[in-house]
Amino acid sequence: MLDPKPAWTQQAACKAESLDIFFPNRYTENTVQKPFALCQDCPVRIDCLHEAITTSSVGIWGGTTDYQRFKILDTYFNNNPKNFKLSDSQEAIEKNIYSIPVSSKYLI
C-alpha cells in the first residue's frame, strides 16, 4: 500500500501542475525556470525541501535539484539525512546555501 501524501502537499503552489516539470531529463536554466519560480513563494517550501532531503528524493523539490540537495547534505550535514531537521530547511532557504549552478553535475 502506498503511503498517503503528507498534509502539507495540499497547500503547495505546484499542486495543480503537471509533475513532469519537476523531473526534467536534464537540468538546464530553461528546464528549472518554471519549477523554481513556483517554489520561490510556495507556502510549504520548507516542508518540501525537508521531505526531499530526508527521503533522498530525485527531481526538483523545495526549489532545489537533487544535486543541490546532495551538496547541502555533503557540505553541512556529513552526508547524513538523519542530521537534517526542519529548521535546517528553513535556514538553507533563508541563507541560500544551495546556490550552486543547476547543471554543474552534468558538465563534461
PDB file of N, CA and C in Angstrom:
ATOM      1  N   MET A   1       0.829  -1.170   0.000  1.00  0.00           N
ATOM      2  CA  MET A   1       0.000   0.000   0.000  1.00  0.00           C
ATOM      3  C   MET A   1       0.887   1.252   0.000  1.00  0.00           C
ATOM      4  N   LEU A   2       0.526   2.242  -0.815  1.00  0.00           N
ATOM      5  CA  LEU A   2       1.284   3.476  -0.893  1.00  0.00           C
ATOM      6  C   LEU A   2       1.005   4.363   0.306  1.00  0.00           C
ATOM      7  N   ASP A   3       2.041   5.042   0.748  1.00  0.00           N
ATOM      8  CA  ASP A   3       1.860   5.995   1.839  1.00  0.00           C
ATOM      9  C   ASP A   3       1.047   7.178   1.326  1.00  0.00           C
ATOM     10  N   PRO A   4       0.144   7.682   2.137  1.00  0.00           N
ATOM     11  CA  PRO A   4      -0.612   8.865   1.714  1.00  0.00           C
ATOM     12  C   PRO A   4       0.319  10.075   1.627  1.00  0.00           C
ATOM     13  N   LYS A   5      -0.058  11.034   0.808  1.00  0.00           N
ATOM     14  CA  LYS A   5       0.729  12.255   0.695  1.00  0.00           C
ATOM     15  C   LYS A   5       0.676  13.016   2.016  1.00  0.00           C
ATOM     16  N   PRO A   6       1.791  13.642   2.382  1.00  0.00           N
ATOM     17  CA  PRO A   6       1.762  14.470   3.598  1.00  0.00           C
ATOM     18  C   PRO A   6       0.731  15.592   3.450  1.00  0.00           C
ATOM     19  N   ALA A   7       0.147  16.012   4.548  1.00  0.00           N
ATOM     20  CA  ALA A   7      -0.902  17.040   4.530  1.00  0.00           C
ATOM     21  C   ALA A   7      -0.419  18.344   3.908  1.00  0.00           C
ATOM     22  N   TRP A   8       0.852  18.677   4.094  1.00  0.00           N
ATOM     23  CA  TRP A   8       1.355  19.948   3.575  1.00  0.00           C
ATOM     24  C   TRP A   8       1.255  20.040   2.053  1.00  0.00           C
ATOM     25  N   THR A   9       1.208  18.920   1.349  1.00  0.00           N
ATOM     26  CA  THR A   9       1.165  18.950  -0.122  1.00  0.00           C
ATOM     27  C   THR A   9      -0.108  19.619  -0.640  1.00  0.00           C
ATOM     28  N   GLN A  10      -1.172  19.643   0.159  1.00  0.00           N
ATOM     29  CA  GLN A  10      -2.409  20.297  -0.261  1.00  0.00           C
ATOM     30  C   GLN A  10      -2.275  21.814  -0.336  1.00  0.00           C
ATOM     31  N   GLN A  11      -1.249  22.357   0.293  1.00  0.00           N
ATOM     32  CA  GLN A  11      -1.017  23.802   0.278  1.00  0.00           C
ATOM     33  C   GLN A  11       0.072  24.200  -0.709  1.00  0.00           C
ATOM     34  N   ALA A  12       0.652  23.239  -1.391  1.00  0.00           N
ATOM     35  CA  ALA A  12       1.778  23.504  -2.290  1.00  0.00           C
ATOM     36  C   ALA A  12       1.353  24.318  -3.510  1.00  0.00           C
ATOM     37  N   ALA A  13       2.220  25.218  -3.912  1.00  0.00           N
ATOM     38  CA  ALA A  13       1.959  26.054  -5.088  1.00  0.00           C
ATOM     39  C   ALA A  13       1.885  25.223  -6.359  1.00  0.00           C
ATOM     40  N   CYS A  14       2.462  24.050  -6.342  1.00  0.00           N
ATOM     41  CA  CYS A  14       2.532  23.202  -7.535  1.00  0.00           C
ATOM     42  C   CYS A  14       1.440  22.140  -7.601  1.00  0.00           C
ATOM     43  N   LYS A  15       0.528  22.129  -6.660  1.00  0.00           N
ATOM     44  CA  LYS A  15      -0.412  21.012  -6.564  1.00  0.00           C
ATOM     45  C   LYS A  15      -1.256  20.805  -7.812  1.00  0.00           C
ATOM     46  N   ALA A  16      -1.461  21.821  -8.615  1.00  0.00           N
ATOM     47  CA  ALA A  16      -2.263  21.682  -9.833  1.00  0.00           C
ATOM     48  C   ALA A  16      -1.394  21.547 -11.090  1.00  0.00           C
ATOM     49  N   GLU A  17      -0.079  21.537 -10.907  1.00  0.00           N
ATOM     50  CA  GLU A  17       0.847  21.455 -12.034  1.00  0.00           C
ATOM     51  C   GLU A  17       1.118  20.003 -12.437  1.00  0.00           C
ATOM     52  N   SER A  18       1.539  19.832 -13.661  1.00  0.00           N
ATOM     53  CA  SER A  18       1.997  18.528 -14.116  1.00  0.00           C
ATOM     54  C   SER A  18       3.325  18.220 -13.421  1.00  0.00           C
ATOM     55  N   LEU A  19       3.452  17.046 -12.888  1.00  0.00           N
ATOM     56  CA  LEU A  19       4.686  16.675 -12.195  1.00  0.00           C
ATOM     57  C   LEU A  19       5.875  16.552 -13.134  1.00  0.00           C
ATOM     58  N   ASP A  20       5.620  16.458 -14.415  1.00  0.00           N
ATOM     59  CA  ASP A  20       6.702  16.317 -15.393  1.00  0.00           C
ATOM     60  C   ASP A  20       7.723  17.445 -15.305  1.00  0.00           C
ATOM     61  N   ILE A  21       7.275  18.656 -15.002  1.00  0.00           N
ATOM     62  CA  ILE A  21       8.214  19.776 -14.968  1.00  0.00           C
ATOM     63  C   ILE A  21       9.206  19.664 -13.807  1.00  0.00           C
ATOM     64  N   PHE A  22       8.901  18.863 -12.825  1.00  0.00           N
ATOM     65  CA  PHE A  22       9.790  18.693 -11.679  1.00  0.00           C
ATOM     66  C   PHE A  22      10.786  17.546 -11.846  1.00  0.00           C
ATOM     67  N   PHE A  23      10.675  16.852 -12.966  1.00  0.00           N
ATOM     68  CA  PHE A  23      11.562  15.723 -13.252  1.00  0.00           C
ATOM     69  C   PHE A  23      12.083  15.805 -14.685  1.00  0.00           C
ATOM     70  N   PRO A  24      12.837  16.875 -15.003  1.00  0.00           N
ATOM     71  CA  PRO A  24      13.345  17.014 -16.370  1.00  0.00           C
ATOM     72  C   PRO A  24      14.423  15.959 -16.657  1.00  0.00           C
ATOM     73  N   ASN A  25      14.610  15.672 -17.928  1.00  0.00           N
ATOM     74  CA  ASN A  25      15.658  14.723 -18.319  1.00  0.00           C
ATOM     75  C   ASN A  25      17.039  15.273 -18.006  1.00  0.00           C
ATOM     76  N   ARG A  26      17.168  16.576 -18.070  1.00  0.00           N
ATOM     77  CA  ARG A  26      18.438  17.250 -17.819  1.00  0.00           C
ATOM     78  C   ARG A  26      18.140  18.601 -17.179  1.00  0.00           C
ATOM     79  N   TYR A  27      18.923  18.965 -16.172  1.00  0.00           N
ATOM     80  CA  TYR A  27      18.741  20.268 -15.540  1.00  0.00           C
ATOM     81  C   TYR A  27      19.484  21.322 -16.346  1.00  0.00           C
ATOM     82  N   THR A  28      18.744  22.281 -16.851  1.00  0.00           N
ATOM     83  CA  THR A  28      19.307  23.446 -17.525  1.00  0.00           C
ATOM     84  C   THR A  28      18.558  24.653 -16.994  1.00  0.00           C
ATOM     85  N   GLU A  29      19.054  25.831 -17.306  1.00  0.00           N
ATOM     86  CA  GLU A  29      18.358  27.037 -16.864  1.00  0.00           C
ATOM     87  C   GLU A  29      16.921  27.047 -17.387  1.00  0.00           C
ATOM     88  N   ASN A  30      16.689  26.530 -18.591  1.00  0.00           N
ATOM     89  CA  ASN A  30      15.342  26.508 -19.158  1.00  0.00           C
ATOM     90  C   ASN A  30      14.431  25.499 -18.460  1.00  0.00           C
ATOM     91  N   THR A  31      14.951  24.317 -18.129  1.00  0.00           N
ATOM     92  CA  THR A  31      14.090  23.286 -17.555  1.00  0.00           C
ATOM     93  C   THR A  31      13.762  23.530 -16.084  1.00  0.00           C
ATOM     94  N   VAL A  32      14.547  24.345 -15.413  1.00  0.00           N
ATOM     95  CA  VAL A  32      14.267  24.614 -13.997  1.00  0.00           C
ATOM     96  C   VAL A  32      13.558  25.938 -13.764  1.00  0.00           C
ATOM     97  N   GLN A  33      13.448  26.766 -14.788  1.00  0.00           N
ATOM     98  CA  GLN A  33      12.873  28.099 -14.624  1.00  0.00           C
ATOM     99  C   GLN A  33      11.467  28.062 -14.039  1.00  0.00           C
ATOM    100  N   LYS A  34      10.555  27.300 -14.623  1.00  0.00           N
ATOM    101  CA  LYS A  34       9.171  27.271 -14.138  1.00  0.00           C
ATOM    102  C   LYS A  34       9.054  26.622 -12.758  1.00  0.00           C
ATOM    103  N   PRO A  35       9.650  25.435 -12.542  1.00  0.00           N
ATOM    104  CA  PRO A  35       9.513  24.857 -11.195  1.00  0.00           C
ATOM    105  C   PRO A  35      10.157  25.718 -10.106  1.00  0.00           C
ATOM    106  N   PHE A  36      11.301  26.313 -10.392  1.00  0.00           N
ATOM    107  CA  PHE A  36      11.933  27.181  -9.400  1.00  0.00           C
ATOM    108  C   PHE A  36      11.050  28.386  -9.097  1.00  0.00           C
ATOM    109  N   ALA A  37      10.395  28.931 -10.120  1.00  0.00           N
ATOM    110  CA  ALA A  37       9.509  30.080  -9.910  1.00  0.00           C
ATOM    111  C   ALA A  37       8.324  29.694  -9.029  1.00  0.00           C
ATOM    112  N   LEU A  38       7.766  28.517  -9.253  1.00  0.00           N
ATOM    113  CA  LEU A  38       6.664  28.041  -8.410  1.00  0.00           C
ATOM    114  C   LEU A  38       7.120  27.865  -6.968  1.00  0.00           C
ATOM    115  N   CYS A  39       8.312  27.332  -6.797  1.00  0.00           N
ATOM    116  CA  CYS A  39       8.834  27.065  -5.453  1.00  0.00           C
ATOM    117  C   CYS A  39       9.194  28.342  -4.700  1.00  0.00           C
ATOM    118  N   GLN A  40       9.567  29.373  -5.424  1.00  0.00           N
ATOM    119  CA  GLN A  40      10.085  30.600  -4.814  1.00  0.00           C
ATOM    120  C   GLN A  40       9.191  31.142  -3.695  1.00  0.00           C
ATOM    121  N   ASP A  41       7.905  31.218  -3.949  1.00  0.00           N
ATOM    122  CA  ASP A  41       6.991  31.787  -2.953  1.00  0.00           C
ATOM    123  C   ASP A  41       6.011  30.754  -2.400  1.00  0.00           C
ATOM    124  N   CYS A  42       6.329  29.495  -2.542  1.00  0.00           N
ATOM    125  CA  CYS A  42       5.440  28.432  -2.083  1.00  0.00           C
ATOM    126  C   CYS A  42       5.345  28.452  -0.550  1.00  0.00           C
ATOM    127  N   PRO A  43       4.138  28.372  -0.010  1.00  0.00           N
ATOM    128  CA  PRO A  43       3.979  28.432   1.445  1.00  0.00           C
ATOM    129  C   PRO A  43       4.514  27.203   2.188  1.00  0.00           C
ATOM    130  N   VAL A  44       4.775  26.119   1.464  1.00  0.00           N
ATOM    131  CA  VAL A  44       5.278  24.908   2.124  1.00  0.00           C
ATOM    132  C   VAL A  44       6.650  24.489   1.590  1.00  0.00           C
ATOM    133  N   ARG A  45       7.386  25.447   1.088  1.00  0.00           N
ATOM    134  CA  ARG A  45       8.713  25.157   0.524  1.00  0.00           C
ATOM    135  C   ARG A  45       9.640  24.494   1.539  1.00  0.00           C
ATOM    136  N   ILE A  46       9.579  24.931   2.775  1.00  0.00           N
ATOM    137  CA  ILE A  46      10.436  24.364   3.825  1.00  0.00           C
ATOM    138  C   ILE A  46      10.115  22.890   4.029  1.00  0.00           C
ATOM    139  N   ASP A  47       8.834  22.571   4.114  1.00  0.00           N
ATOM    140  CA  ASP A  47       8.414  21.177   4.285  1.00  0.00           C
ATOM    141  C   ASP A  47       8.845  20.328   3.092  1.00  0.00           C
ATOM    142  N   CYS A  48       8.703  20.892   1.907  1.00  0.00           N
ATOM    143  CA  CYS A  48       9.041  20.178   0.685  1.00  0.00           C
ATOM    144  C   CYS A  48      10.541  19.872   0.632  1.00  0.00           C
ATOM    145  N   LEU A  49      11.359  20.861   0.925  1.00  0.00           N
ATOM    146  CA  LEU A  49      12.808  20.658   0.932  1.00  0.00           C
ATOM    147  C   LEU A  49      13.197  19.614   1.974  1.00  0.00           C
ATOM    148  N   HIS A  50      12.597  19.702   3.143  1.00  0.00           N
ATOM    149  CA  HIS A  50      12.889  18.739   4.204  1.00  0.00           C
ATOM    150  C   HIS A  50      12.526  17.318   3.772  1.00  0.00           C
ATOM    151  N   GLU A  51      11.363  17.166   3.175  1.00  0.00           N
ATOM    152  CA  GLU A  51      10.915  15.855   2.687  1.00  0.00           C
ATOM    153  C   GLU A  51      11.908  15.291   1.672  1.00  0.00           C
ATOM    154  N   ALA A  52      12.332  16.122   0.748  1.00  0.00           N
ATOM    155  CA  ALA A  52      13.238  15.663  -0.304  1.00  0.00           C
ATOM    156  C   ALA A  52      14.590  15.235   0.252  1.00  0.00           C
ATOM    157  N   ILE A  53      15.115  16.010   1.176  1.00  0.00           N
ATOM    158  CA  ILE A  53      16.433  15.672   1.726  1.00  0.00           C
ATOM    159  C   ILE A  53      16.371  14.439   2.617  1.00  0.00           C
ATOM    160  N   THR A  54      15.358  14.326   3.424  1.00  0.00           N
ATOM    161  CA  THR A  54      15.300  13.194   4.351  1.00  0.00           C
ATOM    162  C   THR A  54      14.864  11.893   3.687  1.00  0.00           C
ATOM    163  N   THR A  55      14.363  11.968   2.461  1.00  0.00           N
ATOM    164  CA  THR A  55      13.963  10.749   1.750  1.00  0.00           C
ATOM    165  C   THR A  55      14.809  10.489   0.507  1.00  0.00           C
ATOM    166  N   SER A  56      15.842  11.311   0.312  1.00  0.00           N
ATOM    167  CA  SER A  56      16.734  11.174  -0.854  1.00  0.00           C
ATOM    168  C   SER A  56      15.964  11.179  -2.166  1.00  0.00           C
ATOM    169  N   SER A  57      15.007  12.064  -2.278  1.00  0.00           N
ATOM    170  CA  SER A  57      14.177  12.152  -3.475  1.00  0.00           C
ATOM    171  C   SER A  57      14.943  12.748  -4.645  1.00  0.00           C
ATOM    172  N   VAL A  58      14.544  12.385  -5.839  1.00  0.00           N
ATOM    173  CA  VAL A  58      15.117  12.957  -7.051  1.00  0.00           C
ATOM    174  C   VAL A  58      14.144  13.981  -7.619  1.00  0.00           C
ATOM    175  N   GLY A  59      14.631  14.811  -8.506  1.00  0.00           N
ATOM    176  CA  GLY A  59      13.800  15.838  -9.110  1.00  0.00           C
ATOM    177  C   GLY A  59      13.923  17.146  -8.369  1.00  0.00           C
ATOM    178  N   ILE A  60      13.061  18.071  -8.710  1.00  0.00           N
ATOM    179  CA  ILE A  60      13.063  19.406  -8.107  1.00  0.00           C
ATOM    180  C   ILE A  60      12.055  19.433  -6.969  1.00  0.00           C
ATOM    181  N   TRP A  61      12.558  19.732  -5.788  1.00  0.00           N
ATOM    182  CA  TRP A  61      11.746  19.820  -4.571  1.00  0.00           C
ATOM    183  C   TRP A  61      12.213  21.048  -3.801  1.00  0.00           C
ATOM    184  N   GLY A  62      11.292  21.831  -3.298  1.00  0.00           N
ATOM    185  CA  GLY A  62      11.665  22.979  -2.471  1.00  0.00           C
ATOM    186  C   GLY A  62      12.581  23.963  -3.179  1.00  0.00           C
ATOM    187  N   GLY A  63      12.513  24.010  -4.488  1.00  0.00           N
ATOM    188  CA  GLY A  63      13.346  24.933  -5.245  1.00  0.00           C
ATOM    189  C   GLY A  63      14.789  24.490  -5.399  1.00  0.00           C
ATOM    190  N   THR A  64      15.034  23.194  -5.260  1.00  0.00           N
ATOM    191  CA  THR A  64      16.396  22.668  -5.420  1.00  0.00           C
ATOM    192  C   THR A  64      16.374  21.412  -6.288  1.00  0.00           C
ATOM    193  N   THR A  65      17.489  21.152  -6.926  1.00  0.00           N
ATOM    194  CA  THR A  65      17.651  19.907  -7.675  1.00  0.00           C
ATOM    195  C   THR A  65      18.208  18.849  -6.730  1.00  0.00           C
ATOM    196  N   ASP A  66      18.163  17.603  -7.157  1.00  0.00           N
ATOM    197  CA  ASP A  66      18.711  16.543  -6.302  1.00  0.00           C
ATOM    198  C   ASP A  66      20.209  16.749  -6.078  1.00  0.00           C
ATOM    199  N   TYR A  67      20.918  17.257  -7.059  1.00  0.00           N
ATOM    200  CA  TYR A  67      22.355  17.506  -6.882  1.00  0.00           C
ATOM    201  C   TYR A  67      22.601  18.625  -5.868  1.00  0.00           C
ATOM    202  N   GLN A  68      21.797  19.669  -5.924  1.00  0.00           N
ATOM    203  CA  GLN A  68      21.938  20.745  -4.944  1.00  0.00           C
ATOM    204  C   GLN A  68      21.676  20.225  -3.532  1.00  0.00           C
ATOM    205  N   ARG A  69      20.681  19.363  -3.393  1.00  0.00           N
ATOM    206  CA  ARG A  69      20.394  18.785  -2.065  1.00  0.00           C
ATOM    207  C   ARG A  69      21.542  17.883  -1.613  1.00  0.00           C
ATOM    208  N   PHE A  70      22.122  17.142  -2.528  1.00  0.00           N
ATOM    209  CA  PHE A  70      23.287  16.318  -2.190  1.00  0.00           C
ATOM    210  C   PHE A  70      24.410  17.203  -1.658  1.00  0.00           C
ATOM    211  N   LYS A  71      24.634  18.345  -2.307  1.00  0.00           N
ATOM    212  CA  LYS A  71      25.704  19.247  -1.865  1.00  0.00           C
ATOM    213  C   LYS A  71      25.402  19.836  -0.485  1.00  0.00           C
ATOM    214  N   ILE A  72      24.135  20.122  -0.213  1.00  0.00           N
ATOM    215  CA  ILE A  72      23.756  20.607   1.121  1.00  0.00           C
ATOM    216  C   ILE A  72      24.104  19.555   2.162  1.00  0.00           C
ATOM    217  N   LEU A  73      23.685  18.327   1.917  1.00  0.00           N
ATOM    218  CA  LEU A  73      23.963  17.247   2.873  1.00  0.00           C
ATOM    219  C   LEU A  73      25.450  16.993   3.016  1.00  0.00           C
ATOM    220  N   ASP A  74      26.156  16.954   1.911  1.00  0.00           N
ATOM    221  CA  ASP A  74      27.579  16.653   1.922  1.00  0.00           C
ATOM    222  C   ASP A  74      28.374  17.746   2.637  1.00  0.00           C
ATOM    223  N   THR A  75      28.043  18.990   2.363  1.00  0.00           N
ATOM    224  CA  THR A  75      28.796  20.118   2.896  1.00  0.00           C
ATOM    225  C   THR A  75      28.460  20.436   4.352  1.00  0.00           C
ATOM    226  N   TYR A  76      27.189  20.355   4.709  1.00  0.00           N
ATOM    227  CA  TYR A  76      26.771  20.842   6.018  1.00  0.00           C
ATOM    228  C   TYR A  76      26.317  19.762   7.003  1.00  0.00           C
ATOM    229  N   PHE A  77      26.021  18.579   6.521  1.00  0.00           N
ATOM    230  CA  PHE A  77      25.429  17.581   7.410  1.00  0.00           C
ATOM    231  C   PHE A  77      26.100  16.214   7.312  1.00  0.00           C
ATOM    232  N   ASN A  78      27.361  16.188   6.940  1.00  0.00           N
ATOM    233  CA  ASN A  78      28.132  14.941   6.859  1.00  0.00           C
ATOM    234  C   ASN A  78      27.421  13.857   6.063  1.00  0.00           C
ATOM    235  N   ASN A  79      26.701  14.293   5.041  1.00  0.00           N
ATOM    236  CA  ASN A  79      26.002  13.372   4.144  1.00  0.00           C
ATOM    237  C   ASN A  79      25.050  12.426   4.874  1.00  0.00           C
ATOM    238  N   ASN A  80      24.467  12.916   5.963  1.00  0.00           N
ATOM    239  CA  ASN A  80      23.554  12.101   6.751  1.00  0.00           C
ATOM    240  C   ASN A  80      22.200  12.799   6.872  1.00  0.00           C
ATOM    241  N   PRO A  81      21.190  12.324   6.116  1.00  0.00           N
ATOM    242  CA  PRO A  81      19.890  12.991   6.168  1.00  0.00           C
ATOM    243  C   PRO A  81      19.231  12.959   7.546  1.00  0.00           C
ATOM    244  N   LYS A  82      19.645  12.035   8.403  1.00  0.00           N
ATOM    245  CA  LYS A  82      19.071  11.980   9.753  1.00  0.00           C
ATOM    246  C   LYS A  82      19.491  13.182  10.584  1.00  0.00           C
ATOM    247  N   ASN A  83      20.584  13.841  10.184  1.00  0.00           N
ATOM    248  CA  ASN A  83      21.044  15.043  10.886  1.00  0.00           C
ATOM    249  C   ASN A  83      20.279  16.281  10.452  1.00  0.00           C
ATOM    250  N   PHE A  84      19.476  16.178   9.414  1.00  0.00           N
ATOM    251  CA  PHE A  84      18.801  17.326   8.809  1.00  0.00           C
ATOM    252  C   PHE A  84      17.427  17.523   9.433  1.00  0.00           C
ATOM    253  N   LYS A  85      17.236  18.648  10.083  1.00  0.00           N
ATOM    254  CA  LYS A  85      15.978  18.965  10.770  1.00  0.00           C
ATOM    255  C   LYS A  85      15.155  19.949   9.940  1.00  0.00           C
ATOM    256  N   LEU A  86      13.888  20.072  10.260  1.00  0.00           N
ATOM    257  CA  LEU A  86      13.013  21.002   9.546  1.00  0.00           C
ATOM    258  C   LEU A  86      13.563  22.428   9.623  1.00  0.00           C
ATOM    259  N   SER A  87      14.104  22.801  10.764  1.00  0.00           N
ATOM    260  CA  SER A  87      14.678  24.142  10.903  1.00  0.00           C
ATOM    261  C   SER A  87      15.882  24.327   9.983  1.00  0.00           C
ATOM    262  N   ASP A  88      16.577  23.255   9.652  1.00  0.00           N
ATOM    263  CA  ASP A  88      17.693  23.339   8.713  1.00  0.00           C
ATOM    264  C   ASP A  88      17.198  23.664   7.311  1.00  0.00           C
ATOM    265  N   SER A  89      16.021  23.176   6.954  1.00  0.00           N
ATOM    266  CA  SER A  89      15.427  23.513   5.660  1.00  0.00           C
ATOM    267  C   SER A  89      15.179  25.011   5.576  1.00  0.00           C
ATOM    268  N   GLN A  90      14.630  25.564   6.640  1.00  0.00           N
ATOM    269  CA  GLN A  90      14.363  26.999   6.669  1.00  0.00           C
ATOM    270  C   GLN A  90      15.669  27.773   6.543  1.00  0.00           C
ATOM    271  N   GLU A  91      16.679  27.368   7.267  1.00  0.00           N
ATOM    272  CA  GLU A  91      17.968  28.060   7.214  1.00  0.00           C
ATOM    273  C   GLU A  91      18.602  27.929   5.825  1.00  0.00           C
ATOM    274  N   ALA A  92      18.498  26.769   5.216  1.00  0.00           N
ATOM    275  CA  ALA A  92      19.053  26.563   3.877  1.00  0.00           C
ATOM    276  C   ALA A  92      18.413  27.515   2.878  1.00  0.00           C
ATOM    277  N   ILE A  93      17.107  27.699   2.997  1.00  0.00           N
ATOM    278  CA  ILE A  93      16.391  28.605   2.090  1.00  0.00           C
ATOM    279  C   ILE A  93      16.745  30.059   2.397  1.00  0.00           C
ATOM    280  N   GLU A  94      16.709  30.432   3.663  1.00  0.00           N
ATOM    281  CA  GLU A  94      16.982  31.819   4.034  1.00  0.00           C
ATOM    282  C   GLU A  94      18.403  32.244   3.660  1.00  0.00           C
ATOM    283  N   LYS A  95      19.368  31.345   3.838  1.00  0.00           N
ATOM    284  CA  LYS A  95      20.769  31.671   3.553  1.00  0.00           C
ATOM    285  C   LYS A  95      21.193  31.279   2.142  1.00  0.00           C
ATOM    286  N   ASN A  96      20.279  30.664   1.396  1.00  0.00           N
ATOM    287  CA  ASN A  96      20.553  30.276   0.018  1.00  0.00           C
ATOM    288  C   ASN A  96      21.809  29.397  -0.073  1.00  0.00           C
ATOM    289  N   ILE A  97      21.974  28.455   0.854  1.00  0.00           N
ATOM    290  CA  ILE A  97      23.190  27.652   0.882  1.00  0.00           C
ATOM    291  C   ILE A  97      23.255  26.611  -0.229  1.00  0.00           C
ATOM    292  N   TYR A  98      22.196  26.459  -0.987  1.00  0.00           N
ATOM    293  CA  TYR A  98      22.181  25.501  -2.080  1.00  0.00           C
ATOM    294  C   TYR A  98      22.473  26.170  -3.413  1.00  0.00           C
ATOM    295  N   SER A  99      22.835  27.427  -3.389  1.00  0.00           N
ATOM    296  CA  SER A  99      23.007  28.186  -4.622  1.00  0.00           C
ATOM    297  C   SER A  99      24.295  27.772  -5.344  1.00  0.00           C
ATOM    298  N   ILE A 100      24.201  26.674  -6.040  1.00  0.00           N
ATOM    299  CA  ILE A 100      25.281  26.207  -6.895  1.00  0.00           C
ATOM    300  C   ILE A 100      24.702  26.113  -8.293  1.00  0.00           C
ATOM    301  N   PRO A 101      25.531  26.101  -9.313  1.00  0.00           N
ATOM    302  CA  PRO A 101      24.985  26.007 -10.668  1.00  0.00           C
ATOM    303  C   PRO A 101      24.079  24.796 -10.823  1.00  0.00           C
ATOM    304  N   VAL A 102      22.951  25.013 -11.434  1.00  0.00           N
ATOM    305  CA  VAL A 102      21.947  23.975 -11.616  1.00  0.00           C
ATOM    306  C   VAL A 102      22.513  22.791 -12.371  1.00  0.00           C
ATOM    307  N   SER A 103      23.288  23.042 -13.403  1.00  0.00           N
ATOM    308  CA  SER A 103      23.758  21.968 -14.267  1.00  0.00           C
ATOM    309  C   SER A 103      25.194  21.545 -13.977  1.00  0.00           C
ATOM    310  N   SER A 104      25.772  21.963 -12.868  1.00  0.00           N
ATOM    311  CA  SER A 104      27.185  21.670 -12.618  1.00  0.00           C
ATOM    312  C   SER A 104      27.475  20.175 -12.567  1.00  0.00           C
ATOM    313  N   LYS A 105      26.519  19.376 -12.142  1.00  0.00           N
ATOM    314  CA  LYS A 105      26.734  17.933 -12.091  1.00  0.00           C
ATOM    315  C   LYS A 105      26.876  17.352 -13.495  1.00  0.00           C
ATOM    316  N   TYR A 106      26.300  18.004 -14.472  1.00  0.00           N
ATOM    317  CA  TYR A 106      26.222  17.445 -15.798  1.00  0.00           C
ATOM    318  C   TYR A 106      27.235  18.016 -16.774  1.00  0.00           C
ATOM    319  N   LEU A 107      28.097  18.907 -16.334  1.00  0.00           N
ATOM    320  CA  LEU A 107      29.120  19.469 -17.223  1.00  0.00           C
ATOM    321  C   LEU A 107      30.185  18.419 -17.501  1.00  0.00           C
ATOM    322  N   ILE A 108      30.564  18.326 -18.744  1.00  0.00           N
ATOM    323  CA  ILE A 108      31.576  17.314 -19.128  1.00  0.00           C
ATOM    324  C   ILE A 108      32.840  18.007 -19.553  1.00  0.00           C
TER     325      ILE A 108
END
